[in-house]
Amino acid sequence: MKKRQIINYLFLSLLTIVMASCSKDDGVELNENGEVVHPEKGGQIVAGDPLLNDFVIAAKDETIYTVDAQTGEETVIYSFPDLTDFVGPADYNNGTIYVTSDDNSINALNVADRRFLWDRYMLEFDFGSMGATRPICIDGVCYASGGSGVVVAVDEVTGILKWYYSTEPNGRLDYVLNNNQAPVVYGDKVYVFSEKSYYSDVPSYLHILDKETGRLIQKQKLPYEPTGVPLFMENTMYLPAKNLYVIDLDTFNTLWMLEVNGVGTPFVSGDKLVVNAIPYGQSIGSVLYCLDKNNQSILWEVETGANSLWEPLIVGNVVFSNYDKGTSFPGATNAKPFALDLRNGEELWNNQDVSVDFSPVYANGMLFTHGHDILRNNNDQNSVGLLAMDANTGEVLWLNPLFRFGSHIAPLVVADNGVFGPSSYRSK
């Protein structure tokens, strides 16, 4: 049994989405690049069969649910003790949900029989903690970081500890407040980004660990704390840390840099990179940039309102993200979802009647998020919750008001053709 917890924290949403390849199965005509040839026919701007989507992993208060992706109907998977919060999104593999809870533990739940399988505290730190990260489960191992900067790798089936590593400056396990972002697994290495220390002037570092043993291979001082989730591809790291740094992983030389005053999680598709940023010299407004990743030129830019650094994603020739109108409450959002043409930044649709809390999660022609469908009905309580939208039009397809209040995690969609999360979700 788990201890009751009384500490709430802001969850971090950490990692990249795997996009399903386009096909002709849904009748959309595609070119050789998988792009919709005639989007004006039928209003379709992306290809994808929504029937491939099975369920969404969601949470309310102390309970983990699956939600039918077609109807929005929820099923209870497991209820934790009172006042338990979760770090999201969760992870999923082979019928098992993996989720980090605020008692500094990774937990495994079986979907088929709704059974609690195991939990693993991050060493002796079995107390409510800020700084715990969502689990990353790949190749039979789950990786996560907990309070006091401890990174663990545990067996995906049994929860047995394989190795641990501390990002505390001297490698000690001494309850000092030292936070990390969620680990990133790339190739045969684990990349851990530690934040600037609470108790001294120790800067932010990148710790590169051996994937099998947890042994420290290399430690690099970072120019600033990460402000989004780094993207790794083609032996290159796209590091959002105030500016966007594009770094060669062999030499750690900076290949090029986008100088801004704050930058979010980047998304790369082909030769294009999209990222939300606060322009250099500004502090209030944000901009969605589309860059040519080969020559670093800005192809287009679109204002995205208040300075929230959303996680845009690309599907075919479409960019999905949010425009934040801002609120009078610190830390709150008033975000409106939209779709843009990747080639020129022109708007394809926007939904002014929905206010959402998360960056979009795309899966097979549908978008999933949490928010307020303002014109849904006269009962405001039944207009807020977990919702699904048509990615081609922005129309809300269903909304489950059970999730209007409580502790929410960013949606994770389990489909016949993969697992889908926000653009920072690093899939298998």
Protein backbone atom coordinates (compact mmCIF):
# COMPACT_ATOMS: atom_id res chain seq x y z
CA MET A 1 0.00 0.00 0.00
CA LYS A 2 1.13 3.50 -0.71
CA LYS A 3 1.52 6.33 1.76
CA ARG A 4 -0.91 9.17 1.59
CA GLN A 5 0.54 12.23 -0.01
CA ILE A 6 -0.21 15.89 0.58
CA ILE A 7 2.24 17.53 -1.81
CA ASN A 8 1.06 18.66 -5.21
CA TYR A 9 3.42 19.65 -7.95
CA LEU A 10 3.36 20.84 -11.48
CA PHE A 11 3.74 17.90 -13.73
CA LEU A 12 6.34 18.02 -16.50
CA SER A 13 5.45 16.90 -19.77
CA LEU A 14 8.69 15.36 -21.17
CA LEU A 15 9.70 13.47 -24.70
CA THR A 16 8.59 13.09 -28.90
CA ILE A 17 5.54 11.60 -30.74
CA VAL A 18 5.78 8.87 -33.37
CA MET A 19 3.55 9.75 -36.30
CA ALA A 20 1.69 7.09 -38.23
CA SER A 21 2.59 7.05 -41.90
CA CYS A 22 -0.09 8.28 -44.26
CA SER A 23 -1.97 5.84 -46.45
CA LYS A 24 -4.83 5.70 -48.94
CA ASP A 25 -6.96 3.49 -46.69
CA ASP A 26 -9.34 6.32 -45.83
CA GLY A 27 -9.82 7.45 -49.46
CA VAL A 28 -7.57 10.53 -49.22
CA GLU A 29 -5.44 10.95 -52.35
CA LEU A 30 -1.74 11.24 -51.42
CA ASN A 31 1.40 12.08 -53.37
CA GLU A 32 4.73 10.22 -53.10
CA ASN A 33 5.60 12.21 -49.95
CA GLY A 34 2.44 11.14 -48.15
CA GLU A 35 0.83 14.58 -48.53
CA VAL A 36 -2.86 15.18 -49.21
CA VAL A 37 -3.12 16.15 -52.88
CA HIS A 38 -6.51 17.85 -52.82
CA PRO A 39 -7.32 18.91 -49.25
CA GLU A 40 -10.21 21.02 -50.48
CA LYS A 41 -12.08 17.84 -51.42
CA GLY A 42 -14.03 16.82 -48.37
CA GLY A 43 -12.14 19.21 -46.12
CA GLN A 44 -9.47 16.65 -45.28
CA ILE A 45 -6.01 18.05 -44.56
CA VAL A 46 -4.49 14.91 -43.00
CA ALA A 47 -4.86 11.23 -43.77
CA GLY A 48 -5.61 8.73 -41.02
CA ASP A 49 -8.22 6.24 -39.91
CA PRO A 50 -9.67 7.21 -36.50
CA LEU A 51 -10.93 3.64 -36.02
CA LEU A 52 -7.32 2.59 -35.39
CA ASN A 53 -7.41 4.47 -32.07
CA ASP A 54 -8.28 2.19 -29.16
CA PHE A 55 -8.16 4.15 -25.90
CA VAL A 56 -6.74 7.18 -24.14
CA ILE A 57 -4.86 6.90 -20.83
CA ALA A 58 -6.15 9.61 -18.48
CA ALA A 59 -6.31 10.44 -14.78
CA LYS A 60 -8.65 12.15 -12.35
CA ASP A 61 -7.62 12.69 -8.75
CA GLU A 62 -6.17 9.36 -7.51
CA THR A 63 -7.53 7.16 -10.31
CA ILE A 64 -6.04 6.04 -13.62
CA TYR A 65 -8.56 5.46 -16.42
CA THR A 66 -8.70 4.29 -19.99
CA VAL A 67 -11.14 6.24 -22.16
CA ASP A 68 -12.60 4.76 -25.34
CA ALA A 69 -11.13 6.78 -28.22
CA GLN A 70 -14.33 6.49 -30.28
CA THR A 71 -16.98 7.28 -27.67
CA GLY A 72 -15.20 8.96 -24.75
CA GLU A 73 -16.54 6.39 -22.28
CA GLU A 74 -14.20 5.81 -19.33
CA THR A 75 -13.10 2.63 -17.53
CA VAL A 76 -11.42 2.62 -14.11
CA ILE A 77 -8.06 0.84 -14.19
CA TYR A 78 -6.80 1.45 -10.66
CA SER A 79 -7.41 3.82 -7.75
CA PHE A 80 -4.44 4.88 -5.63
CA PRO A 81 -4.69 6.14 -2.02
CA ASP A 82 -6.17 9.57 -1.36
CA LEU A 83 -4.26 12.70 -2.41
CA THR A 84 -1.99 10.86 -4.85
CA ASP A 85 -0.92 12.90 -7.85
CA PHE A 86 0.67 11.66 -11.07
CA VAL A 87 3.36 12.86 -13.44
CA GLY A 88 2.25 12.69 -17.04
CA PRO A 89 1.93 11.64 -19.64
CA ALA A 90 2.15 7.99 -18.63
CA ASP A 91 3.85 5.33 -20.75
CA TYR A 92 2.42 2.14 -22.21
CA ASN A 93 3.83 -1.13 -23.52
CA ASN A 94 2.43 -4.63 -24.07
CA GLY A 95 -0.78 -4.10 -22.14
CA THR A 96 0.82 -2.31 -19.19
CA ILE A 97 0.47 1.33 -18.10
CA TYR A 98 3.51 2.87 -16.39
CA VAL A 99 2.99 6.04 -14.35
CA THR A 100 5.02 8.00 -11.80
CA SER A 101 3.21 9.09 -8.64
CA ASP A 102 4.12 11.82 -6.19
CA ASP A 103 5.44 9.43 -3.56
CA ASN A 104 8.52 9.24 -5.80
CA SER A 105 7.67 5.86 -7.32
CA ILE A 106 7.15 4.24 -10.71
CA ASN A 107 3.99 2.08 -10.89
CA ALA A 108 2.87 -0.61 -13.34
CA LEU A 109 -0.81 -1.39 -14.01
CA ASN A 110 -2.28 -4.18 -16.13
CA VAL A 111 -5.01 -2.89 -18.46
CA ALA A 112 -6.73 -6.19 -19.26
CA ASP A 113 -7.53 -7.23 -15.67
CA ARG A 114 -7.12 -3.76 -14.05
CA ARG A 115 -4.51 -5.08 -11.66
CA PHE A 116 -1.71 -3.30 -9.81
CA LEU A 117 1.51 -5.10 -10.81
CA TRP A 118 4.37 -3.41 -8.96
CA ASP A 119 5.80 -0.14 -7.69
CA ARG A 120 9.40 0.93 -7.33
CA TYR A 121 10.50 3.83 -5.15
CA MET A 122 13.48 5.80 -6.38
CA LEU A 123 15.82 4.35 -3.76
CA GLU A 124 15.09 5.35 -0.17
CA PHE A 125 13.31 8.54 -1.15
CA ASP A 126 9.81 7.19 -0.57
CA PHE A 127 8.21 10.52 0.27
CA GLY A 128 6.19 13.13 -1.56
CA SER A 129 8.55 14.95 -3.86
CA MET A 130 8.80 17.71 -6.36
CA GLY A 131 11.04 16.82 -9.26
CA ALA A 132 9.79 13.34 -10.13
CA THR A 133 9.50 12.76 -13.89
CA ARG A 134 7.31 10.59 -16.05
CA PRO A 135 8.66 7.10 -16.86
CA ILE A 136 10.28 6.31 -20.20
CA CYS A 137 9.91 2.57 -20.95
CA ILE A 138 11.91 1.13 -23.84
CA ASP A 139 13.64 -2.19 -24.61
CA GLY A 140 12.32 -3.79 -21.43
CA VAL A 141 13.53 -1.06 -19.06
CA CYS A 142 11.78 1.94 -17.49
CA TYR A 143 13.81 5.09 -16.80
CA ALA A 144 12.76 7.97 -14.58
CA SER A 145 14.14 10.63 -12.28
CA GLY A 146 12.94 11.31 -8.75
CA GLY A 147 13.47 13.66 -5.84
CA SER A 148 17.05 14.64 -4.96
CA GLY A 149 18.14 14.14 -8.56
CA VAL A 150 18.22 10.33 -8.51
CA VAL A 151 17.85 8.64 -11.91
CA VAL A 152 16.80 4.98 -11.91
CA ALA A 153 16.50 2.19 -14.46
CA VAL A 154 14.15 -0.66 -13.50
CA ASP A 155 13.04 -3.86 -15.18
CA GLU A 156 9.80 -3.25 -17.09
CA VAL A 157 8.24 -6.57 -16.04
CA THR A 158 9.30 -6.87 -12.40
CA GLY A 159 10.24 -3.34 -11.31
CA ILE A 160 13.59 -4.64 -10.02
CA LEU A 161 16.26 -1.92 -9.88
CA LYS A 162 18.96 -2.29 -12.55
CA TRP A 163 21.02 0.81 -11.75
CA TYR A 164 20.83 4.33 -10.36
CA TYR A 165 22.71 7.58 -10.83
CA SER A 166 22.64 10.83 -8.85
CA THR A 167 23.01 14.23 -10.53
CA GLU A 168 23.89 15.82 -7.18
CA PRO A 169 27.25 17.58 -7.84
CA ASN A 170 29.22 15.04 -5.81
CA GLY A 171 27.01 12.08 -6.64
CA ARG A 172 25.68 11.82 -3.08
CA LEU A 173 22.25 10.69 -1.97
CA ASP A 174 21.68 13.31 0.70
CA TYR A 175 18.12 14.63 0.23
CA VAL A 176 19.39 17.85 -1.36
CA LEU A 177 16.82 19.39 -3.69
CA ASN A 178 18.24 18.76 -7.14
CA ASN A 179 15.80 18.28 -10.03
CA ASN A 180 16.16 16.70 -13.45
CA GLN A 181 14.11 16.57 -16.58
CA ALA A 182 12.86 13.19 -17.75
CA PRO A 183 15.69 11.07 -19.16
CA VAL A 184 15.98 10.74 -22.93
CA VAL A 185 17.05 7.35 -24.30
CA TYR A 186 18.84 7.61 -27.64
CA GLY A 187 20.93 4.82 -29.10
CA ASP A 188 22.99 3.15 -26.38
CA LYS A 189 22.96 6.17 -24.07
CA VAL A 190 20.68 7.89 -21.58
CA TYR A 191 20.74 11.70 -21.56
CA VAL A 192 19.79 13.41 -18.29
CA PHE A 193 19.39 17.19 -17.97
CA SER A 194 19.81 18.50 -14.44
CA GLU A 195 18.44 21.89 -13.49
CA LYS A 196 20.32 24.65 -11.73
CA SER A 197 20.71 23.73 -8.07
CA TYR A 198 18.37 25.22 -5.45
CA TYR A 199 21.06 25.61 -2.85
CA SER A 200 24.11 26.96 -4.73
CA ASP A 201 25.32 28.40 -8.01
CA VAL A 202 25.84 24.95 -9.53
CA PRO A 203 24.71 25.32 -13.17
CA SER A 204 22.59 23.04 -15.28
CA TYR A 205 24.36 20.01 -16.75
CA LEU A 206 23.86 17.31 -19.33
CA HIS A 207 24.80 13.90 -17.92
CA ILE A 208 25.41 11.20 -20.54
CA LEU A 209 25.04 7.69 -19.11
CA ASP A 210 25.63 4.20 -20.43
CA LYS A 211 22.19 2.74 -21.12
CA GLU A 212 23.04 -0.71 -19.71
CA THR A 213 24.99 0.21 -16.58
CA GLY A 214 24.17 3.83 -15.70
CA ARG A 215 27.89 4.65 -15.75
CA LEU A 216 28.67 8.32 -16.38
CA ILE A 217 30.28 8.68 -19.82
CA GLN A 218 30.39 12.44 -20.12
CA LYS A 219 29.15 15.56 -18.34
CA GLN A 220 28.57 18.83 -20.18
CA LYS A 221 27.77 22.21 -18.67
CA LEU A 222 24.73 23.79 -20.32
CA PRO A 223 24.45 27.47 -21.26
CA TYR A 224 21.00 27.73 -19.65
CA GLU A 225 18.44 25.38 -18.11
CA PRO A 226 16.39 23.49 -20.69
CA THR A 227 13.12 25.28 -21.45
CA GLY A 228 11.63 22.42 -23.47
CA VAL A 229 12.32 18.78 -24.24
CA PRO A 230 15.47 18.19 -26.34
CA LEU A 231 15.05 16.36 -29.64
CA PHE A 232 17.61 13.78 -30.82
CA MET A 233 17.82 12.64 -34.43
CA GLU A 234 20.49 11.91 -37.04
CA ASN A 235 23.25 12.20 -34.43
CA THR A 236 22.13 15.76 -33.71
CA MET A 237 20.65 17.24 -30.54
CA TYR A 238 18.18 20.12 -30.78
CA LEU A 239 18.50 21.66 -27.33
CA PRO A 240 15.93 24.26 -26.20
CA ALA A 241 17.68 26.18 -23.43
CA LYS A 242 16.56 29.81 -23.70
CA ASN A 243 17.93 29.71 -27.25
CA LEU A 244 17.62 26.74 -29.59
CA TYR A 245 21.04 25.09 -29.95
CA VAL A 246 21.65 22.53 -32.70
CA ILE A 247 24.55 20.37 -31.50
CA ASP A 248 26.65 17.65 -33.11
CA LEU A 249 26.62 14.67 -30.74
CA ASP A 250 30.10 13.49 -31.75
CA THR A 251 31.95 16.74 -31.12
CA PHE A 252 29.39 18.70 -29.06
CA ASN A 253 30.05 21.66 -31.31
CA THR A 254 27.11 23.99 -31.88
CA LEU A 255 26.21 23.73 -35.56
CA TRP A 256 23.84 26.69 -35.44
CA MET A 257 21.61 28.55 -32.99
CA LEU A 258 18.26 30.33 -33.01
CA GLU A 259 18.72 33.27 -30.65
CA VAL A 260 15.51 34.03 -28.78
CA ASN A 261 14.38 34.90 -25.27
CA GLY A 262 12.87 31.49 -24.51
CA VAL A 263 12.10 28.44 -26.62
CA GLY A 264 9.95 25.34 -26.28
CA THR A 265 10.10 21.79 -27.59
CA PRO A 266 11.12 21.58 -31.28
CA PHE A 267 9.62 19.24 -33.88
CA VAL A 268 11.43 18.26 -37.07
CA SER A 269 9.90 16.72 -40.19
CA GLY A 270 12.00 16.38 -43.32
CA ASP A 271 13.94 19.59 -43.82
CA LYS A 272 11.60 21.71 -41.69
CA LEU A 273 11.70 22.53 -37.98
CA VAL A 274 8.85 24.14 -36.05
CA VAL A 275 9.20 25.56 -32.55
CA ASN A 276 7.37 27.99 -30.29
CA ALA A 277 9.56 30.78 -28.91
CA ILE A 278 9.61 34.22 -27.35
CA PRO A 279 11.44 36.51 -29.78
CA TYR A 280 14.74 38.04 -28.71
CA GLY A 281 14.21 41.23 -26.71
CA GLN A 282 10.59 40.41 -25.87
CA SER A 283 8.99 38.89 -22.78
CA ILE A 284 5.23 38.90 -23.38
CA GLY A 285 4.34 37.54 -26.81
CA SER A 286 5.30 34.22 -28.41
CA VAL A 287 5.82 33.18 -32.02
CA LEU A 288 5.62 29.87 -33.86
CA TYR A 289 8.66 29.64 -36.15
CA CYS A 290 9.16 27.36 -39.13
CA LEU A 291 12.82 27.05 -40.13
CA ASP A 292 14.76 25.27 -42.83
CA LYS A 293 16.96 23.03 -40.68
CA ASN A 294 19.65 22.87 -43.35
CA ASN A 295 20.33 26.58 -43.92
CA GLN A 296 18.71 27.90 -40.69
CA SER A 297 16.55 30.41 -42.56
CA ILE A 298 13.15 31.34 -41.12
CA LEU A 299 10.56 30.26 -43.69
CA TRP A 300 7.61 31.81 -41.88
CA GLU A 301 6.48 32.88 -38.41
CA VAL A 302 3.05 33.25 -36.82
CA GLU A 303 2.19 35.02 -33.58
CA THR A 304 0.82 32.68 -30.89
CA GLY A 305 -0.30 35.13 -28.22
CA ALA A 306 0.87 35.11 -24.60
CA ASN A 307 4.28 33.66 -23.83
CA SER A 308 3.28 30.01 -23.36
CA LEU A 309 5.79 27.68 -25.03
CA TRP A 310 3.49 25.07 -26.55
CA GLU A 311 4.71 21.87 -28.21
CA PRO A 312 3.75 22.04 -31.91
CA LEU A 313 3.73 18.93 -34.06
CA ILE A 314 3.75 18.22 -37.79
CA VAL A 315 1.53 15.72 -39.57
CA GLY A 316 2.16 15.53 -43.32
CA ASN A 317 1.94 19.14 -44.45
CA VAL A 318 0.02 20.37 -41.40
CA VAL A 319 1.22 21.98 -38.17
CA PHE A 320 -0.96 21.67 -35.07
CA SER A 321 -0.50 23.94 -32.05
CA ASN A 322 -2.26 26.46 -29.78
CA TYR A 323 -2.73 30.22 -29.62
CA ASP A 324 -2.77 31.46 -26.01
CA LYS A 325 -4.98 34.50 -25.49
CA GLY A 326 -3.75 34.82 -21.90
CA THR A 327 -5.70 35.03 -18.65
CA SER A 328 -5.83 37.19 -15.54
CA PHE A 329 -4.68 34.25 -13.42
CA PRO A 330 -0.93 33.54 -13.12
CA GLY A 331 0.01 30.18 -14.58
CA ALA A 332 -3.39 29.68 -16.25
CA THR A 333 -3.87 29.29 -19.99
CA ASN A 334 -6.58 30.30 -22.43
CA ALA A 335 -5.37 28.44 -25.47
CA LYS A 336 -7.17 28.04 -28.80
CA PRO A 337 -6.15 25.12 -31.04
CA PHE A 338 -5.29 25.70 -34.69
CA ALA A 339 -3.91 24.03 -37.82
CA LEU A 340 -1.50 25.69 -40.25
CA ASP A 341 -0.14 24.80 -43.68
CA LEU A 342 3.48 23.75 -43.11
CA ARG A 343 4.56 25.17 -46.46
CA ASN A 344 3.56 28.78 -45.87
CA GLY A 345 2.07 29.16 -42.37
CA GLU A 346 -1.42 29.89 -43.70
CA GLU A 347 -4.26 29.01 -41.34
CA LEU A 348 -6.29 25.92 -42.24
CA TRP A 349 -8.63 26.10 -39.25
CA ASN A 350 -8.88 27.43 -35.73
CA ASN A 351 -11.46 26.79 -33.02
CA GLN A 352 -12.24 29.89 -30.99
CA ASP A 353 -14.94 28.04 -29.04
CA VAL A 354 -12.52 25.68 -27.28
CA SER A 355 -10.03 26.60 -24.55
CA VAL A 356 -7.44 23.85 -24.02
CA ASP A 357 -4.84 23.09 -21.35
CA PHE A 358 -2.36 20.86 -23.21
CA SER A 359 -0.37 20.86 -26.41
CA PRO A 360 -2.16 18.74 -29.05
CA VAL A 361 -1.89 14.96 -29.13
CA TYR A 362 -2.45 13.63 -32.66
CA ALA A 363 -3.45 10.05 -33.50
CA ASN A 364 -4.91 8.84 -36.82
CA GLY A 365 -6.89 11.91 -37.84
CA MET A 366 -7.90 12.93 -34.31
CA LEU A 367 -6.59 15.40 -31.71
CA PHE A 368 -6.87 14.75 -27.97
CA THR A 369 -6.54 17.29 -25.15
CA HIS A 370 -8.25 18.61 -22.03
CA GLY A 371 -10.26 21.82 -21.97
CA HIS A 372 -13.52 23.74 -22.20
CA ASP A 373 -15.92 23.38 -25.13
CA ILE A 374 -17.53 26.74 -24.48
CA LEU A 375 -20.70 26.41 -26.56
CA ARG A 376 -21.35 22.75 -25.84
CA ASN A 377 -24.39 23.29 -23.60
CA ASN A 378 -25.80 25.59 -20.94
CA ASN A 379 -24.33 23.56 -18.10
CA ASP A 380 -20.75 24.76 -17.76
CA GLN A 381 -19.76 21.79 -15.60
CA ASN A 382 -20.54 19.43 -18.47
CA SER A 383 -18.55 21.52 -20.95
CA VAL A 384 -15.11 20.93 -19.41
CA GLY A 385 -13.16 17.70 -19.56
CA LEU A 386 -11.12 15.33 -21.70
CA LEU A 387 -12.03 15.88 -25.32
CA ALA A 388 -11.39 14.61 -28.85
CA MET A 389 -11.39 16.74 -31.99
CA ASP A 390 -11.46 16.09 -35.73
CA ALA A 391 -7.93 16.99 -36.85
CA ASN A 392 -9.26 17.98 -40.28
CA THR A 393 -11.75 20.57 -39.05
CA GLY A 394 -11.13 21.27 -35.35
CA GLU A 395 -14.68 20.12 -34.51
CA VAL A 396 -15.12 18.59 -31.05
CA LEU A 397 -16.22 14.96 -31.47
CA TRP A 398 -16.77 14.05 -27.83
CA LEU A 399 -16.12 15.41 -24.35
CA ASN A 400 -16.04 13.49 -21.08
CA PRO A 401 -16.93 15.84 -18.18
CA LEU A 402 -15.77 13.34 -15.54
CA PHE A 403 -12.32 14.88 -16.04
CA ARG A 404 -13.39 18.49 -15.51
CA PHE A 405 -11.56 18.76 -12.17
CA GLY A 406 -8.78 16.89 -10.40
CA SER A 407 -5.25 15.85 -11.21
CA HIS A 408 -4.88 15.49 -14.96
CA ILE A 409 -2.07 14.04 -17.05
CA ALA A 410 -1.53 14.85 -20.71
CA PRO A 411 -3.43 12.28 -22.82
CA LEU A 412 -1.63 9.24 -24.19
CA VAL A 413 -3.38 7.42 -27.05
CA VAL A 414 -3.00 3.67 -27.58
CA ALA A 415 -3.81 2.63 -31.15
CA ASP A 416 -3.48 -0.43 -33.35
CA ASN A 417 -0.55 1.23 -35.10
CA GLY A 418 1.36 2.70 -32.16
CA VAL A 419 1.29 4.84 -29.03
CA PHE A 420 0.82 8.59 -29.48
CA GLY A 421 1.49 11.51 -27.14
CA PRO A 422 2.43 15.19 -27.38
CA SER A 423 5.38 16.10 -29.58
CA SER A 424 7.76 15.62 -26.63
CA TYR A 425 6.65 12.00 -26.17
CA ARG A 426 9.49 9.75 -27.21
CA SER A 427 7.87 6.63 -28.54
CA LYS A 428 9.30 3.17 -29.13
